[in-house]
Amino acid sequence: MFKPFVSLAFALLFAQGAFAGETPIREFPLPGHGALAIAVPDAWQVDVEQPGNDLPPTLKFTAKTGPAFEFYLTPLWPMDGKAPPLDAASLHKQVADAAETLKPQSVEKTIETKSLKGAGAVGYYFSATDRAPKPGEYKYVTQGILPVGELATTFTILSNDGSEAVVKTALLLLRGATQKKTATP
């Protein structure tokens, strides 16, 4: 079963046919770290899980209608005096290591790590196919890390057949995500 990996802990474009309707930019407050600004398609619902104690929130995007998917995004910041690595080599290694852990349950014999250029930095991601998803589980996973400002933004996209555009849209939205130094009230 593919699961989100929060423990590792997307100028925004209106893609040609990637999603219908307006794509408003939403800001999500980050305790003591401003806000994460990202476009959210009208057809998507977002729930914010804020654990408290100034810990990073996890944003969970899902479909209001259409093929089911889950897109998790967690912006990580320095905690206990230790900053998450934002350099390309460290991010690549973390994502490659995560891909390696999924290989035994994946259809793919090798899982390619790809680069993802964001608004100000480069991150990495991979995609894999679950060899034997159980009923109610997702068949495809895309996971990675993208620096957004001073944040190491981890993401997981879970999907099934018929929702291929969701992955492309989520990656596009991640590329345009920014960190605002102060949250807009």
C-alpha atoms as a PDB file:
ATOM      1  CA  MET A   1       0.000   0.000   0.000  1.00  0.00           C
ATOM      2  CA  PHE A   2       1.365   3.386  -0.932  1.00  0.00           C
ATOM      3  CA  LYS A   3       1.190   5.930   1.872  1.00  0.00           C
ATOM      4  CA  PRO A   4       2.207   9.575   2.124  1.00  0.00           C
ATOM      5  CA  PHE A   5       5.701  10.180   3.459  1.00  0.00           C
ATOM      6  CA  VAL A   6       5.430  13.208   5.646  1.00  0.00           C
ATOM      7  CA  SER A   7       8.431  11.964   7.596  1.00  0.00           C
ATOM      8  CA  LEU A   8      10.708  12.776   4.655  1.00  0.00           C
ATOM      9  CA  ALA A   9       9.845  14.364   6.759  1.00  0.00           C
ATOM     10  CA  PHE A  10       4.238  22.929  -7.001  1.00  0.00           C
ATOM     11  CA  ALA A  11       4.618  32.583 -11.772  1.00  0.00           C
ATOM     12  CA  LEU A  12       1.494  29.983 -11.492  1.00  0.00           C
ATOM     13  CA  LEU A  13       0.220  28.812 -14.819  1.00  0.00           C
ATOM     14  CA  PHE A  14      -3.262  28.005 -15.987  1.00  0.00           C
ATOM     15  CA  ALA A  15      -2.241  24.856 -17.819  1.00  0.00           C
ATOM     16  CA  GLN A  16      -3.844  24.148 -21.133  1.00  0.00           C
ATOM     17  CA  GLY A  17      -6.682  21.889 -20.093  1.00  0.00           C
ATOM     18  CA  ALA A  18      -4.960  20.750 -16.900  1.00  0.00           C
ATOM     19  CA  PHE A  19      -7.847  21.909 -14.735  1.00  0.00           C
ATOM     20  CA  ALA A  20     -11.129  23.647 -15.332  1.00  0.00           C
ATOM     21  CA  GLY A  21     -12.283  26.934 -13.880  1.00  0.00           C
ATOM     22  CA  GLU A  22     -10.360  29.584 -11.989  1.00  0.00           C
ATOM     23  CA  THR A  23      -7.335  28.647  -9.949  1.00  0.00           C
ATOM     24  CA  PRO A  24      -7.205  31.003  -7.004  1.00  0.00           C
ATOM     25  CA  ILE A  25      -4.034  31.328  -4.985  1.00  0.00           C
ATOM     26  CA  ARG A  26      -4.625  30.381  -1.383  1.00  0.00           C
ATOM     27  CA  GLU A  27      -2.384  31.159   1.541  1.00  0.00           C
ATOM     28  CA  PHE A  28      -1.989  28.673   4.349  1.00  0.00           C
ATOM     29  CA  PRO A  29      -0.590  30.108   7.614  1.00  0.00           C
ATOM     30  CA  LEU A  30       2.594  28.533   8.936  1.00  0.00           C
ATOM     31  CA  PRO A  31       3.086  29.225  12.659  1.00  0.00           C
ATOM     32  CA  GLY A  32       6.077  31.565  12.943  1.00  0.00           C
ATOM     33  CA  HIS A  33       7.002  31.093   9.259  1.00  0.00           C
ATOM     34  CA  GLY A  34       4.570  33.279   7.310  1.00  0.00           C
ATOM     35  CA  ALA A  35       2.373  31.418   4.862  1.00  0.00           C
ATOM     36  CA  LEU A  36       2.567  28.939   2.009  1.00  0.00           C
ATOM     37  CA  ALA A  37       0.916  30.356  -1.140  1.00  0.00           C
ATOM     38  CA  ILE A  38      -0.261  27.837  -3.716  1.00  0.00           C
ATOM     39  CA  ALA A  39      -2.978  27.741  -6.351  1.00  0.00           C
ATOM     40  CA  VAL A  40      -5.869  25.431  -5.539  1.00  0.00           C
ATOM     41  CA  PRO A  41      -8.158  24.431  -8.418  1.00  0.00           C
ATOM     42  CA  ASP A  42     -11.860  25.037  -7.783  1.00  0.00           C
ATOM     43  CA  ALA A  43     -12.493  21.322  -8.312  1.00  0.00           C
ATOM     44  CA  TRP A  44     -10.226  20.442  -5.389  1.00  0.00           C
ATOM     45  CA  GLN A  45     -11.034  20.415  -1.704  1.00  0.00           C
ATOM     46  CA  VAL A  46      -8.327  21.108   0.852  1.00  0.00           C
ATOM     47  CA  ASP A  47      -8.233  20.152   4.496  1.00  0.00           C
ATOM     48  CA  VAL A  48      -5.527  21.396   6.833  1.00  0.00           C
ATOM     49  CA  GLU A  49      -4.297  19.198   9.633  1.00  0.00           C
ATOM     50  CA  GLN A  50      -2.589  21.468  12.156  1.00  0.00           C
ATOM     51  CA  PRO A  51      -1.060  19.349  14.934  1.00  0.00           C
ATOM     52  CA  GLY A  52      -0.375  22.337  17.196  1.00  0.00           C
ATOM     53  CA  ASN A  53       2.751  23.069  19.232  1.00  0.00           C
ATOM     54  CA  ASP A  54       4.051  25.153  16.286  1.00  0.00           C
ATOM     55  CA  LEU A  55       4.496  21.984  14.217  1.00  0.00           C
ATOM     56  CA  PRO A  56       4.109  22.131  10.436  1.00  0.00           C
ATOM     57  CA  PRO A  57       0.604  21.593   9.051  1.00  0.00           C
ATOM     58  CA  THR A  58      -0.205  18.966   6.446  1.00  0.00           C
ATOM     59  CA  LEU A  59      -2.445  20.046   3.572  1.00  0.00           C
ATOM     60  CA  LYS A  60      -4.594  17.283   2.107  1.00  0.00           C
ATOM     61  CA  PHE A  61      -6.055  17.991  -1.348  1.00  0.00           C
ATOM     62  CA  THR A  62      -8.825  15.751  -2.708  1.00  0.00           C
ATOM     63  CA  ALA A  63     -11.353  15.851  -5.549  1.00  0.00           C
ATOM     64  CA  LYS A  64     -14.745  17.437  -4.962  1.00  0.00           C
ATOM     65  CA  THR A  65     -15.946  15.365  -7.934  1.00  0.00           C
ATOM     66  CA  GLY A  66     -14.323  13.081 -10.485  1.00  0.00           C
ATOM     67  CA  PRO A  67     -11.603  10.469 -10.025  1.00  0.00           C
ATOM     68  CA  ALA A  68     -10.418  10.099  -6.457  1.00  0.00           C
ATOM     69  CA  PHE A  69      -6.923  11.159  -5.440  1.00  0.00           C
ATOM     70  CA  GLU A  70      -5.088  12.370  -2.356  1.00  0.00           C
ATOM     71  CA  PHE A  71      -2.335  14.995  -2.519  1.00  0.00           C
ATOM     72  CA  TYR A  72      -0.493  15.633   0.748  1.00  0.00           C
ATOM     73  CA  LEU A  73       1.836  18.582   1.210  1.00  0.00           C
ATOM     74  CA  THR A  74       3.844  19.316   4.363  1.00  0.00           C
ATOM     75  CA  PRO A  75       6.179  22.339   4.557  1.00  0.00           C
ATOM     76  CA  LEU A  76       9.012  21.588   6.986  1.00  0.00           C
ATOM     77  CA  TRP A  77      11.004  24.310   8.719  1.00  0.00           C
ATOM     78  CA  PRO A  78      13.859  24.435  11.232  1.00  0.00           C
ATOM     79  CA  MET A  79      12.872  22.858  14.535  1.00  0.00           C
ATOM     80  CA  ASP A  80      14.915  22.428  17.693  1.00  0.00           C
ATOM     81  CA  GLY A  81      17.706  24.439  16.065  1.00  0.00           C
ATOM     82  CA  LYS A  82      18.020  21.983  13.200  1.00  0.00           C
ATOM     83  CA  ALA A  83      17.067  23.074   9.671  1.00  0.00           C
ATOM     84  CA  PRO A  84      15.829  20.580   7.094  1.00  0.00           C
ATOM     85  CA  PRO A  85      18.377  20.199   4.297  1.00  0.00           C
ATOM     86  CA  LEU A  86      17.573  22.278   1.228  1.00  0.00           C
ATOM     87  CA  ASP A  87      20.651  21.538  -0.862  1.00  0.00           C
ATOM     88  CA  ALA A  88      20.199  19.515  -4.044  1.00  0.00           C
ATOM     89  CA  ALA A  89      22.461  16.622  -3.021  1.00  0.00           C
ATOM     90  CA  SER A  90      20.671  16.037   0.308  1.00  0.00           C
ATOM     91  CA  LEU A  91      17.206  16.313  -1.246  1.00  0.00           C
ATOM     92  CA  HIS A  92      18.134  13.954  -4.080  1.00  0.00           C
ATOM     93  CA  LYS A  93      19.453  11.405  -1.606  1.00  0.00           C
ATOM     94  CA  GLN A  94      16.337  11.582   0.596  1.00  0.00           C
ATOM     95  CA  VAL A  95      14.017  11.107  -2.386  1.00  0.00           C
ATOM     96  CA  ALA A  96      16.159   8.317  -3.875  1.00  0.00           C
ATOM     97  CA  ASP A  97      16.171   6.557  -0.497  1.00  0.00           C
ATOM     98  CA  ALA A  98      12.360   6.828  -0.279  1.00  0.00           C
ATOM     99  CA  ALA A  99      12.048   5.388  -3.807  1.00  0.00           C
ATOM    100  CA  GLU A 100      14.317   2.518  -2.824  1.00  0.00           C
ATOM    101  CA  THR A 101      12.061   1.622   0.130  1.00  0.00           C
ATOM    102  CA  LEU A 102       9.044   1.353  -2.198  1.00  0.00           C
ATOM    103  CA  LYS A 103      10.802  -0.738  -4.838  1.00  0.00           C
ATOM    104  CA  PRO A 104       9.901  -4.148  -3.322  1.00  0.00           C
ATOM    105  CA  GLN A 105       6.165  -3.435  -3.660  1.00  0.00           C
ATOM    106  CA  SER A 106       6.440  -1.601  -7.002  1.00  0.00           C
ATOM    107  CA  VAL A 107       5.886  -2.832 -10.534  1.00  0.00           C
ATOM    108  CA  GLU A 108       8.987  -0.894 -11.602  1.00  0.00           C
ATOM    109  CA  LYS A 109      12.304  -2.689 -11.238  1.00  0.00           C
ATOM    110  CA  THR A 110      14.059   0.687 -11.067  1.00  0.00           C
ATOM    111  CA  ILE A 111      12.414   3.906  -9.911  1.00  0.00           C
ATOM    112  CA  GLU A 112      13.795   7.015 -11.580  1.00  0.00           C
ATOM    113  CA  THR A 113      14.344  10.139  -9.489  1.00  0.00           C
ATOM    114  CA  LYS A 114      13.408  13.270 -11.488  1.00  0.00           C
ATOM    115  CA  SER A 115      14.151  16.931 -10.857  1.00  0.00           C
ATOM    116  CA  LEU A 116      11.371  19.457 -10.209  1.00  0.00           C
ATOM    117  CA  LYS A 117      12.199  23.145 -10.677  1.00  0.00           C
ATOM    118  CA  GLY A 118      10.264  25.386  -8.347  1.00  0.00           C
ATOM    119  CA  ALA A 119       9.976  29.166  -8.093  1.00  0.00           C
ATOM    120  CA  GLY A 120      13.455  29.499  -6.591  1.00  0.00           C
ATOM    121  CA  ALA A 121      15.018  26.076  -6.210  1.00  0.00           C
ATOM    122  CA  VAL A 122      15.196  22.545  -7.520  1.00  0.00           C
ATOM    123  CA  GLY A 123      13.695  19.534  -5.780  1.00  0.00           C
ATOM    124  CA  TYR A 124      13.225  15.907  -6.680  1.00  0.00           C
ATOM    125  CA  TYR A 125      10.449  13.348  -6.997  1.00  0.00           C
ATOM    126  CA  PHE A 126       9.687   9.848  -8.225  1.00  0.00           C
ATOM    127  CA  SER A 127       6.609   7.937  -9.349  1.00  0.00           C
ATOM    128  CA  ALA A 128       5.841   4.259  -8.789  1.00  0.00           C
ATOM    129  CA  THR A 129       3.065   1.740  -9.350  1.00  0.00           C
ATOM    130  CA  ASP A 130       1.845  -0.548  -6.569  1.00  0.00           C
ATOM    131  CA  ARG A 131       2.232  -4.159  -7.616  1.00  0.00           C
ATOM    132  CA  ALA A 132      -0.863  -5.359  -5.729  1.00  0.00           C
ATOM    133  CA  PRO A 133      -3.060  -2.580  -4.331  1.00  0.00           C
ATOM    134  CA  LYS A 134      -5.798  -3.817  -2.031  1.00  0.00           C
ATOM    135  CA  PRO A 135      -9.400  -2.689  -2.534  1.00  0.00           C
ATOM    136  CA  GLY A 136      -9.696   0.986  -1.585  1.00  0.00           C
ATOM    137  CA  GLU A 137      -5.949   1.621  -1.917  1.00  0.00           C
ATOM    138  CA  TYR A 138      -4.246   3.694  -4.588  1.00  0.00           C
ATOM    139  CA  LYS A 139      -2.318   2.205  -7.499  1.00  0.00           C
ATOM    140  CA  TYR A 140       0.092   5.102  -8.197  1.00  0.00           C
ATOM    141  CA  VAL A 141       2.286   7.239  -5.960  1.00  0.00           C
ATOM    142  CA  THR A 142       4.377  10.297  -6.710  1.00  0.00           C
ATOM    143  CA  GLN A 143       6.529  11.572  -3.839  1.00  0.00           C
ATOM    144  CA  GLY A 144       9.208  14.183  -3.434  1.00  0.00           C
ATOM    145  CA  ILE A 145      10.643  17.264  -1.802  1.00  0.00           C
ATOM    146  CA  LEU A 146      10.758  20.796  -3.205  1.00  0.00           C
ATOM    147  CA  PRO A 147      12.350  23.765  -1.439  1.00  0.00           C
ATOM    148  CA  VAL A 148       9.875  26.648  -1.198  1.00  0.00           C
ATOM    149  CA  GLY A 149      11.553  29.646   0.390  1.00  0.00           C
ATOM    150  CA  GLU A 150      13.156  28.355   3.575  1.00  0.00           C
ATOM    151  CA  LEU A 151      10.831  25.348   3.670  1.00  0.00           C
ATOM    152  CA  ALA A 152      11.546  21.761   2.659  1.00  0.00           C
ATOM    153  CA  THR A 153       8.127  20.985   1.206  1.00  0.00           C
ATOM    154  CA  THR A 154       7.407  17.265   1.127  1.00  0.00           C
ATOM    155  CA  PHE A 155       4.608  15.939  -1.044  1.00  0.00           C
ATOM    156  CA  THR A 156       2.815  12.716  -1.860  1.00  0.00           C
ATOM    157  CA  ILE A 157       0.252  12.247  -4.626  1.00  0.00           C
ATOM    158  CA  LEU A 158      -1.844   9.059  -4.536  1.00  0.00           C
ATOM    159  CA  SER A 159      -3.989   8.228  -7.569  1.00  0.00           C
ATOM    160  CA  ASN A 160      -5.569   5.522  -9.705  1.00  0.00           C
ATOM    161  CA  ASP A 161      -6.239   4.961 -13.397  1.00  0.00           C
ATOM    162  CA  GLY A 162      -8.165   7.895 -14.853  1.00  0.00           C
ATOM    163  CA  SER A 163      -6.532  10.536 -12.683  1.00  0.00           C
ATOM    164  CA  GLU A 164      -3.233  11.012 -14.545  1.00  0.00           C
ATOM    165  CA  ALA A 165      -3.920  14.745 -15.012  1.00  0.00           C
ATOM    166  CA  VAL A 166      -3.979  15.184 -11.238  1.00  0.00           C
ATOM    167  CA  VAL A 167      -0.282  14.354 -10.948  1.00  0.00           C
ATOM    168  CA  LYS A 168       0.633  16.795 -13.747  1.00  0.00           C
ATOM    169  CA  THR A 169      -1.523  19.500 -12.178  1.00  0.00           C
ATOM    170  CA  ALA A 170      -0.140  18.951  -8.679  1.00  0.00           C
ATOM    171  CA  LEU A 171       3.449  19.157  -9.941  1.00  0.00           C
ATOM    172  CA  LEU A 172       2.605  22.339 -11.871  1.00  0.00           C
ATOM    173  CA  LEU A 173       1.046  23.919  -8.791  1.00  0.00           C
ATOM    174  CA  LEU A 174       4.051  22.941  -6.673  1.00  0.00           C
ATOM    175  CA  ARG A 175       6.389  24.659  -9.165  1.00  0.00           C
ATOM    176  CA  GLY A 176       4.564  27.938  -8.519  1.00  0.00           C
ATOM    177  CA  ALA A 177       4.272  27.655  -4.731  1.00  0.00           C
ATOM    178  CA  THR A 178       5.879  30.425  -2.707  1.00  0.00           C
ATOM    179  CA  GLN A 179       6.524  31.223   0.915  1.00  0.00           C
ATOM    180  CA  LYS A 180       5.158  34.561   2.107  1.00  0.00           C
ATOM    181  CA  LYS A 181       7.136  36.025   4.995  1.00  0.00           C
ATOM    182  CA  THR A 182       3.913  37.183   6.656  1.00  0.00           C
ATOM    183  CA  ALA A 183       0.491  35.600   6.370  1.00  0.00           C
ATOM    184  CA  THR A 184      -2.248  37.735   4.802  1.00  0.00           C
ATOM    185  CA  PRO A 185      -5.063  38.175   7.334  1.00  0.00           C
END
